[in-house]
Amino acid sequence: MLDLDPTTLGLEFGGGAVIGGIIGFAAKKIAKLIAVIIGVQLVVFRYLESQGILIVDWDALSRGLISTSERADASYLESIISTLSVGAGFTAGFLIGFKRG
């Protein structure tokens, strides 16, 4: 038998949404800054490489971008439902904050 309180799930969802919105807004601002920094760094690397000052192993750099898939093992229905309520709220808030940021 599941021992879940709808009020607790609602509070977890709302709290996750607020925190997700704040983090999403900040993440978009930080992502823009990081994109500019990485872009400038790549341009500098290409320039220094074309001048013969620096040798960049582009294959080694691109190997780090390959992601591995992970498998999640879920064993308890209660923990999944509780996690989903916070996660769904966080995701919704994150997406709204990211879009508005």
Protein backbone atom coordinates (compact mmCIF):
# COMPACT_ATOMS: atom_id res chain seq x y z
CA MET A 1 0.00 0.00 0.00
CA LEU A 2 1.31 3.42 -0.89
CA ASP A 3 1.53 5.97 1.88
CA LEU A 4 1.51 9.21 -0.12
CA ASP A 5 0.09 12.54 0.97
CA PRO A 6 -1.27 14.67 -1.92
CA THR A 7 -0.52 17.88 0.00
CA THR A 8 3.13 16.91 0.39
CA LEU A 9 3.37 16.00 -3.28
CA GLY A 10 1.83 19.37 -4.22
CA LEU A 11 4.27 21.26 -2.00
CA GLU A 12 7.19 19.31 -3.45
CA PHE A 13 5.96 20.08 -6.97
CA GLY A 14 5.51 23.80 -6.22
CA GLY A 15 8.84 24.09 -4.45
CA GLY A 16 10.57 22.29 -7.29
CA ALA A 17 8.90 24.62 -9.80
CA VAL A 18 10.07 27.76 -7.99
CA ILE A 19 13.63 26.50 -7.56
CA GLY A 20 13.67 25.24 -11.16
CA GLY A 21 12.51 28.62 -12.45
CA ILE A 22 15.26 30.46 -10.62
CA ILE A 23 17.92 28.00 -11.70
CA GLY A 24 16.62 27.96 -15.29
CA PHE A 25 16.80 31.76 -15.49
CA ALA A 26 20.35 31.76 -14.10
CA ALA A 27 21.40 28.81 -16.26
CA LYS A 28 20.46 30.61 -19.46
CA LYS A 29 22.49 33.67 -18.46
CA ILE A 30 25.47 31.51 -17.48
CA ALA A 31 25.14 29.36 -20.64
CA LYS A 32 25.37 32.46 -22.82
CA LEU A 33 28.51 33.59 -21.02
CA ILE A 34 30.11 30.15 -21.26
CA ALA A 35 29.26 29.91 -24.97
CA VAL A 36 31.00 33.23 -25.62
CA ILE A 37 34.07 32.18 -23.61
CA ILE A 38 34.33 28.83 -25.41
CA GLY A 39 33.82 30.47 -28.79
CA VAL A 40 36.59 33.00 -28.13
CA GLN A 41 38.86 30.22 -26.86
CA LEU A 42 38.31 28.14 -30.01
CA VAL A 43 39.01 31.16 -32.23
CA VAL A 44 42.22 31.85 -30.31
CA PHE A 45 43.25 28.18 -30.58
CA ARG A 46 42.63 28.21 -34.34
CA TYR A 47 44.58 31.44 -34.77
CA LEU A 48 47.54 30.22 -32.70
CA GLU A 49 47.48 26.91 -34.56
CA SER A 50 47.48 28.67 -37.94
CA GLN A 51 50.50 30.72 -36.83
CA GLY A 52 52.38 27.56 -35.80
CA ILE A 53 52.56 28.66 -32.17
CA LEU A 54 50.27 25.96 -30.80
CA ILE A 55 49.39 22.40 -31.80
CA VAL A 56 45.84 21.36 -30.89
CA ASP A 57 44.75 17.71 -30.93
CA TRP A 58 41.16 18.28 -32.14
CA ASP A 59 40.37 14.54 -32.09
CA ALA A 60 41.21 14.32 -28.38
CA LEU A 61 39.04 17.37 -27.69
CA SER A 62 36.05 15.93 -29.55
CA ARG A 63 36.34 12.56 -27.77
CA GLY A 64 35.42 14.29 -24.52
CA LEU A 65 32.11 15.41 -26.00
CA ILE A 66 30.83 11.89 -26.58
CA SER A 67 28.32 11.12 -23.86
CA THR A 68 27.67 7.76 -22.32
CA SER A 69 24.22 6.57 -21.48
CA GLU A 70 23.46 5.59 -17.92
CA ARG A 71 20.93 3.11 -16.72
CA ALA A 72 18.75 3.92 -13.74
CA ASP A 73 17.58 1.07 -11.53
CA ALA A 74 14.27 1.93 -9.86
CA SER A 75 13.24 -0.36 -7.08
CA TYR A 76 10.63 1.47 -4.98
CA LEU A 77 7.41 2.94 -6.34
CA GLU A 78 7.06 5.44 -3.49
CA SER A 79 10.50 6.97 -4.01
CA ILE A 80 9.85 7.22 -7.74
CA ILE A 81 6.55 9.05 -7.26
CA SER A 82 8.11 11.43 -4.75
CA THR A 83 11.06 12.07 -7.04
CA LEU A 84 8.77 12.62 -10.01
CA SER A 85 6.75 15.26 -8.20
CA VAL A 86 9.84 17.29 -7.36
CA GLY A 87 11.43 16.56 -10.72
CA ALA A 88 8.35 17.52 -12.72
CA GLY A 89 7.99 20.78 -10.83
CA PHE A 90 11.68 21.53 -11.17
CA THR A 91 11.66 20.74 -14.89
CA ALA A 92 8.61 22.90 -15.56
CA GLY A 93 10.04 25.79 -13.57
CA PHE A 94 13.46 25.37 -15.18
CA LEU A 95 12.01 25.49 -18.68
CA ILE A 96 9.91 28.57 -17.89
CA GLY A 97 12.87 30.34 -16.26
CA PHE A 98 15.19 29.36 -19.11
CA LYS A 99 12.74 30.64 -21.70
CA ARG A 100 12.19 33.94 -19.87
CA GLY A 101 15.90 34.46 -19.15
